[in-house]
Amino acid sequence: MIKKNRLKFSFLCGVIILTVIACGNSCKVVNKNKSETTREYKRADNIEIGEQFTIYEMPYAYDHSIIYNANDKKWHLYGIELGNSTFIHLTADSLTQRGWEKHKPFIYKNKEIWAPHIIKHDDTYYMFYTSIGVPREIRLATSKDLFEWKHYSEEPLFAWSNEDNNNLKNKDPMVFRDNINDQWIMYVTMMKDDKHWVVGYTVSKDLLNWSEYEICFDENTESPGVESPFVVKRGDYYYLTLSARNTWPHGAQEFFRSKSPFNWEVKDLVKSIDPWHAAEIVQDHDGQWYLSRSSGNENNFRMAPLYWNDGVIE
């Protein structure tokens, strides 16, 4: 009897030891996962920029767009200049060239215009921009060469208002290609009522017809604290960068990260670069990324290398 009890005791001890070992191994796995999550967050928070340099000096440099034309082998920049009734047009052989060549500006009926954003689809360039009025309008001009532009319609793409506000102050359009859902997404800064600023979005299959707006970033702020949205996808994540949330009209360039192109929250903030304003994110032919900067009355367009440090292989 004593012998049998000893055997049972030995068996139970063995089970307990194995259970402890298994638990220990399991705990190690959990700790490993936590460590990986921490490292992943640190990579996201490790966005860095290199030394700034000036690409063009002028009395007033603001919201702008940069795109490459493979036909003339030139980089093109369109941006707001002093007076807000024309977009300056600059070209350069190299994205990082100091001193770009100036060309005839873009004008729309001598009206006040803001914040151009240019993309290429098939053989056509599309320029989306804000025309100032009540309500503000988002308009579209197209070009085959980035020099001559025409409006496909006298009507704006949209000029949103609602029962709370006859001018939702639609501005700063940025268009992103959503390959997963085979559509285009336009992001704009706007007011959702008569007080609160948000980032809205609208979708399209053809770049001409756009859905009613929805909201993708809302911190319920009553100051005009969001400007110049720009979206880039890297790996599984979508990065939204915004200007001037904290100290409008100038302030930090802030990066938010989400696994959805339709929703970012304040808690998704992973990087703040201060001071910076109205950035465009551009990739050069060699794969190097750059962050451009509007300098306002600081008299120049600037640029700096952008390093994601997120482990994503280009």
Protein backbone atom coordinates (compact mmCIF):
# COMPACT_ATOMS: atom_id res chain seq x y z
CA MET A 1 0.00 0.00 0.00
CA ILE A 2 2.80 2.35 0.92
CA LYS A 3 4.57 1.43 -2.31
CA LYS A 4 1.45 2.25 -4.36
CA ASN A 5 1.08 5.64 -2.60
CA ARG A 6 4.71 6.43 -3.34
CA LEU A 7 4.12 5.62 -7.01
CA LYS A 8 1.06 7.89 -7.07
CA PHE A 9 3.03 10.64 -5.36
CA SER A 10 5.87 10.32 -7.85
CA PHE A 11 3.39 10.40 -10.74
CA LEU A 12 1.71 13.57 -9.36
CA CYS A 13 5.08 15.27 -8.87
CA GLY A 14 5.94 14.50 -12.47
CA VAL A 15 2.66 16.00 -13.70
CA ILE A 16 3.22 19.13 -11.60
CA ILE A 17 6.77 19.54 -12.91
CA LEU A 18 5.63 19.12 -16.53
CA THR A 19 2.80 21.61 -15.93
CA VAL A 20 5.23 24.17 -14.51
CA ILE A 21 7.58 23.67 -17.46
CA ALA A 22 4.71 24.01 -19.91
CA CYS A 23 3.49 27.14 -18.14
CA GLY A 24 6.98 28.56 -18.17
CA ASN A 25 7.31 27.93 -21.88
CA SER A 26 3.89 29.46 -22.47
CA CYS A 27 4.84 32.53 -20.44
CA LYS A 28 7.98 32.92 -22.47
CA VAL A 29 5.92 32.94 -25.68
CA VAL A 30 3.63 35.63 -24.28
CA ASN A 31 6.60 37.75 -23.22
CA LYS A 32 8.13 37.30 -26.65
CA ASN A 33 4.97 38.55 -28.30
CA LYS A 34 4.88 41.57 -26.02
CA SER A 35 8.50 42.30 -26.85
CA GLU A 36 7.80 42.06 -30.57
CA THR A 37 4.82 44.40 -30.24
CA THR A 38 6.96 46.91 -28.38
CA ARG A 39 9.69 46.76 -30.99
CA GLU A 40 7.12 47.14 -33.74
CA TYR A 41 5.73 50.29 -32.12
CA LYS A 42 9.21 51.71 -31.67
CA ARG A 43 9.86 51.18 -35.38
CA ALA A 44 6.67 53.09 -36.18
CA ASP A 45 7.72 55.87 -33.82
CA ASN A 46 11.18 55.96 -35.34
CA ILE A 47 10.29 57.99 -38.44
CA GLU A 48 13.16 60.39 -38.99
CA ILE A 49 14.09 63.19 -41.36
CA GLY A 50 17.52 64.21 -42.54
CA GLU A 51 18.94 67.66 -43.10
CA GLN A 52 16.62 70.20 -44.74
CA PHE A 53 17.60 71.97 -47.93
CA THR A 54 15.95 74.65 -50.07
CA ILE A 55 14.80 73.76 -53.59
CA TYR A 56 13.35 77.17 -54.53
CA GLU A 57 13.33 80.63 -52.96
CA MET A 58 10.32 82.90 -53.36
CA PRO A 59 8.46 85.51 -51.28
CA TYR A 60 5.68 83.11 -50.21
CA ALA A 61 5.58 79.33 -50.54
CA TYR A 62 2.62 77.27 -49.38
CA ASP A 63 0.56 74.12 -50.13
CA HIS A 64 1.98 72.37 -53.16
CA SER A 65 2.20 69.12 -55.15
CA ILE A 66 5.22 67.41 -56.73
CA ILE A 67 5.04 64.83 -59.54
CA TYR A 68 7.39 63.34 -62.16
CA ASN A 69 6.73 63.47 -65.92
CA ALA A 70 8.45 60.55 -67.65
CA ASN A 71 7.95 62.12 -71.09
CA ASP A 72 9.95 65.30 -70.48
CA LYS A 73 12.00 63.65 -67.70
CA LYS A 74 11.25 66.53 -65.35
CA TRP A 75 9.93 66.88 -61.83
CA HIS A 76 7.03 69.35 -61.67
CA LEU A 77 5.87 71.41 -58.68
CA TYR A 78 2.64 73.38 -58.50
CA GLY A 79 1.94 75.43 -55.38
CA ILE A 80 0.23 78.44 -53.84
CA GLU A 81 2.12 81.70 -54.26
CA LEU A 82 1.64 85.25 -52.98
CA GLY A 83 -1.81 86.61 -53.73
CA ASN A 84 -3.45 83.15 -53.67
CA SER A 85 -4.84 83.59 -57.19
CA THR A 86 -2.19 81.57 -59.06
CA PHE A 87 -0.22 78.36 -58.64
CA ILE A 88 3.48 78.67 -59.32
CA HIS A 89 4.80 76.04 -61.76
CA LEU A 90 8.39 74.86 -61.33
CA THR A 91 10.40 72.09 -63.00
CA ALA A 92 13.72 70.38 -62.29
CA ASP A 93 15.81 67.57 -63.74
CA SER A 94 16.39 66.18 -60.25
CA LEU A 95 14.00 66.01 -57.29
CA THR A 96 16.72 67.32 -54.98
CA GLN A 97 17.92 70.04 -57.35
CA ARG A 98 18.59 73.41 -55.75
CA GLY A 99 16.90 76.08 -57.81
CA TRP A 100 14.00 74.97 -60.08
CA GLU A 101 12.97 76.57 -63.37
CA LYS A 102 9.86 78.77 -63.30
CA HIS A 103 7.08 78.55 -65.92
CA LYS A 104 3.69 80.10 -66.67
CA PRO A 105 1.45 79.85 -63.60
CA PHE A 106 -1.90 78.07 -63.33
CA ILE A 107 -4.91 80.42 -63.10
CA TYR A 108 -8.63 79.80 -62.69
CA LYS A 109 -10.72 82.86 -63.65
CA ASN A 110 -8.55 85.02 -61.37
CA LYS A 111 -10.27 83.45 -58.37
CA GLU A 112 -8.56 82.62 -55.11
CA ILE A 113 -7.32 79.03 -55.30
CA TRP A 114 -5.57 76.76 -52.80
CA ALA A 115 -3.76 73.49 -52.31
CA PRO A 116 -3.23 71.65 -55.62
CA HIS A 117 -2.74 67.88 -55.63
CA ILE A 118 -1.72 66.12 -58.86
CA ILE A 119 -1.84 62.44 -59.80
CA LYS A 120 -1.38 60.57 -63.06
CA HIS A 121 -3.85 57.96 -64.31
CA ASP A 122 -3.34 56.26 -67.68
CA ASP A 123 -2.00 59.06 -69.91
CA THR A 124 -3.64 61.98 -68.11
CA TYR A 125 -2.63 64.18 -65.17
CA TYR A 126 -5.40 65.19 -62.77
CA MET A 127 -5.09 68.32 -60.63
CA PHE A 128 -7.50 68.61 -57.70
CA TYR A 129 -7.64 71.95 -55.89
CA THR A 130 -9.78 74.27 -53.76
CA SER A 131 -11.60 77.27 -55.22
CA ILE A 132 -12.51 79.78 -52.53
CA GLY A 133 -16.15 80.83 -52.24
CA VAL A 134 -19.28 80.04 -50.25
CA PRO A 135 -19.28 77.14 -50.16
CA ARG A 136 -15.69 76.30 -51.02
CA GLU A 137 -15.39 74.09 -54.09
CA ILE A 138 -13.17 71.17 -54.96
CA ARG A 139 -12.34 71.45 -58.66
CA LEU A 140 -10.57 69.30 -61.23
CA ALA A 141 -8.33 70.28 -64.15
CA THR A 142 -6.63 67.79 -66.47
CA SER A 143 -3.50 67.85 -68.62
CA LYS A 144 -1.49 65.61 -70.92
CA ASP A 145 1.86 67.30 -70.29
CA LEU A 146 1.61 69.20 -66.95
CA PHE A 147 1.79 72.52 -68.82
CA GLU A 148 -1.58 73.04 -70.51
CA TRP A 149 -4.66 72.48 -68.35
CA LYS A 150 -8.38 72.37 -69.00
CA HIS A 151 -11.42 71.86 -66.79
CA TYR A 152 -13.52 68.92 -67.83
CA SER A 153 -16.59 70.73 -66.45
CA GLU A 154 -17.60 74.19 -65.25
CA GLU A 155 -19.21 72.47 -62.28
CA PRO A 156 -17.05 71.60 -59.25
CA LEU A 157 -16.60 67.99 -58.20
CA PHE A 158 -18.36 68.95 -54.99
CA ALA A 159 -19.05 71.93 -52.73
CA TRP A 160 -20.34 70.37 -49.55
CA SER A 161 -22.71 71.97 -47.09
CA ASN A 162 -25.23 70.55 -44.62
CA GLU A 163 -28.10 71.61 -42.37
CA ASP A 164 -25.64 72.97 -39.79
CA ASN A 165 -23.37 74.95 -42.10
CA ASN A 166 -23.70 76.33 -45.64
CA ASN A 167 -19.91 76.19 -46.05
CA LEU A 168 -18.08 73.09 -44.81
CA LYS A 169 -14.83 74.77 -45.95
CA ASN A 170 -13.70 71.85 -48.10
CA LYS A 171 -9.98 72.24 -48.75
CA ASP A 172 -6.60 70.55 -49.24
CA PRO A 173 -7.66 67.59 -51.43
CA MET A 174 -5.31 64.59 -51.63
CA VAL A 175 -6.12 61.57 -53.82
CA PHE A 176 -4.90 58.08 -52.91
CA ARG A 177 -5.15 54.91 -55.02
CA ASP A 178 -6.86 52.16 -53.01
CA ASN A 179 -5.81 49.06 -54.96
CA ILE A 180 -7.37 46.66 -52.47
CA ASN A 181 -10.86 47.99 -53.17
CA ASP A 182 -10.13 49.08 -56.77
CA GLN A 183 -11.07 52.70 -56.16
CA TRP A 184 -9.73 56.18 -55.50
CA ILE A 185 -10.01 57.90 -52.12
CA MET A 186 -9.94 61.68 -51.81
CA TYR A 187 -9.09 63.10 -48.39
CA VAL A 188 -10.04 66.69 -47.52
CA THR A 189 -10.00 68.84 -44.42
CA MET A 190 -13.45 70.22 -43.67
CA MET A 191 -15.96 71.17 -41.00
CA LYS A 192 -18.55 68.58 -40.03
CA ASP A 193 -20.86 71.32 -38.67
CA ASP A 194 -20.47 75.00 -37.84
CA LYS A 195 -17.65 74.44 -35.30
CA HIS A 196 -15.71 71.19 -35.60
CA TRP A 197 -12.85 70.43 -37.98
CA VAL A 198 -12.28 66.90 -39.29
CA VAL A 199 -10.66 64.98 -42.14
CA GLY A 200 -13.32 63.76 -44.53
CA TYR A 201 -13.07 61.35 -47.43
CA THR A 202 -14.97 60.44 -50.57
CA VAL A 203 -14.45 57.55 -53.02
CA SER A 204 -14.61 57.21 -56.78
CA LYS A 205 -14.12 54.61 -59.50
CA ASP A 206 -13.39 57.09 -62.31
CA LEU A 207 -11.95 60.24 -60.64
CA LEU A 208 -14.97 62.22 -61.90
CA ASN A 209 -17.91 61.00 -59.84
CA TRP A 210 -17.46 61.00 -56.08
CA SER A 211 -19.50 59.64 -53.18
CA GLU A 212 -21.00 61.67 -50.35
CA TYR A 213 -18.41 62.44 -47.69
CA GLU A 214 -17.66 60.41 -44.60
CA ILE A 215 -15.25 61.18 -41.75
CA CYS A 216 -11.95 59.36 -41.14
CA PHE A 217 -10.32 61.59 -38.47
CA ASP A 218 -12.26 63.46 -35.83
CA GLU A 219 -10.92 64.73 -32.51
CA ASN A 220 -13.93 67.01 -31.91
CA THR A 221 -11.90 70.21 -32.06
CA GLU A 222 -13.37 73.68 -32.52
CA SER A 223 -10.18 75.27 -33.83
CA PRO A 224 -9.02 74.79 -37.44
CA GLY A 225 -6.47 72.27 -36.28
CA VAL A 226 -6.20 69.91 -39.24
CA GLU A 227 -4.70 70.78 -42.62
CA SER A 228 -3.09 69.17 -45.65
CA PRO A 229 -3.85 65.44 -45.25
CA PHE A 230 -1.50 63.06 -47.06
CA VAL A 231 -1.73 59.24 -47.03
CA VAL A 232 0.94 56.60 -47.76
CA LYS A 233 0.59 52.82 -47.44
CA ARG A 234 3.54 50.82 -46.12
CA GLY A 235 3.14 47.10 -45.50
CA ASP A 236 -0.13 46.53 -43.65
CA TYR A 237 -0.36 50.12 -42.43
CA TYR A 238 -1.74 53.39 -43.76
CA TYR A 239 0.03 56.54 -42.58
CA LEU A 240 -1.95 59.78 -42.44
CA THR A 241 0.08 62.93 -41.97
CA LEU A 242 -1.55 66.23 -40.95
CA SER A 243 -0.39 69.77 -40.32
CA ALA A 244 -1.08 72.32 -37.64
CA ARG A 245 -3.24 70.36 -35.19
CA ASN A 246 -1.71 72.01 -32.15
CA THR A 247 -0.69 75.50 -33.22
CA TRP A 248 -2.62 76.58 -36.31
CA PRO A 249 -1.72 77.95 -38.80
CA HIS A 250 1.83 76.71 -38.23
CA GLY A 251 3.01 73.79 -36.18
CA ALA A 252 4.02 70.18 -36.28
CA GLN A 253 3.68 67.65 -39.06
CA GLU A 254 2.09 64.62 -37.37
CA PHE A 255 1.94 61.00 -38.52
CA PHE A 256 -0.91 58.65 -37.59
CA ARG A 257 -0.89 54.92 -38.33
CA SER A 258 -3.85 52.60 -38.96
CA LYS A 259 -4.64 49.33 -40.70
CA SER A 260 -7.62 51.02 -42.38
CA PRO A 261 -7.54 53.85 -44.94
CA PHE A 262 -10.89 55.03 -43.56
CA ASN A 263 -10.18 55.56 -39.87
CA TRP A 264 -7.45 57.13 -37.74
CA GLU A 265 -7.70 58.27 -34.13
CA VAL A 266 -5.58 60.56 -31.96
CA LYS A 267 -4.19 57.50 -30.16
CA ASP A 268 -2.72 56.37 -33.50
CA LEU A 269 -0.15 59.21 -33.43
CA VAL A 270 3.34 57.78 -33.98
CA LYS A 271 5.48 60.80 -34.89
CA SER A 272 5.49 64.59 -34.60
CA ILE A 273 7.97 66.77 -36.51
CA ASP A 274 7.98 70.36 -35.31
CA PRO A 275 8.15 72.84 -36.94
CA TRP A 276 6.80 71.67 -40.32
CA HIS A 277 3.81 72.47 -42.48
CA ALA A 278 1.75 71.18 -45.45
CA ALA A 279 4.07 68.31 -46.27
CA GLU A 280 4.07 66.19 -49.40
CA ILE A 281 5.66 62.73 -49.27
CA VAL A 282 7.61 61.94 -52.45
CA GLN A 283 9.74 58.96 -53.49
CA ASP A 284 12.70 59.50 -55.81
CA HIS A 285 13.77 57.12 -58.60
CA ASP A 286 16.39 55.50 -56.36
CA GLY A 287 13.76 54.60 -53.74
CA GLN A 288 14.68 57.35 -51.27
CA TRP A 289 11.70 59.10 -49.68
CA TYR A 290 11.52 62.86 -49.10
CA LEU A 291 9.31 65.11 -47.01
CA SER A 292 8.68 68.50 -48.60
CA ARG A 293 7.76 71.57 -46.59
CA SER A 294 5.77 74.72 -47.24
CA SER A 295 7.48 77.61 -45.56
CA GLY A 296 4.76 80.26 -45.82
CA ASN A 297 6.37 83.68 -45.43
CA GLU A 298 9.73 82.07 -44.66
CA ASN A 299 10.44 82.49 -48.37
CA ASN A 300 11.15 79.01 -49.71
CA PHE A 301 10.10 75.48 -50.55
CA ARG A 302 12.16 73.00 -48.55
CA MET A 303 12.75 69.28 -48.53
CA ALA A 304 14.47 66.67 -46.35
CA PRO A 305 15.16 62.92 -46.64
CA LEU A 306 12.48 60.83 -44.92
CA TYR A 307 13.40 57.54 -43.24
CA TRP A 308 10.53 55.24 -42.24
CA ASN A 309 12.63 52.75 -40.22
CA ASP A 310 9.68 50.35 -40.18
CA GLY A 311 11.28 47.21 -41.56
CA VAL A 312 9.24 47.30 -44.78
CA ILE A 313 11.27 46.21 -47.80
CA GLU A 314 10.77 48.59 -50.71
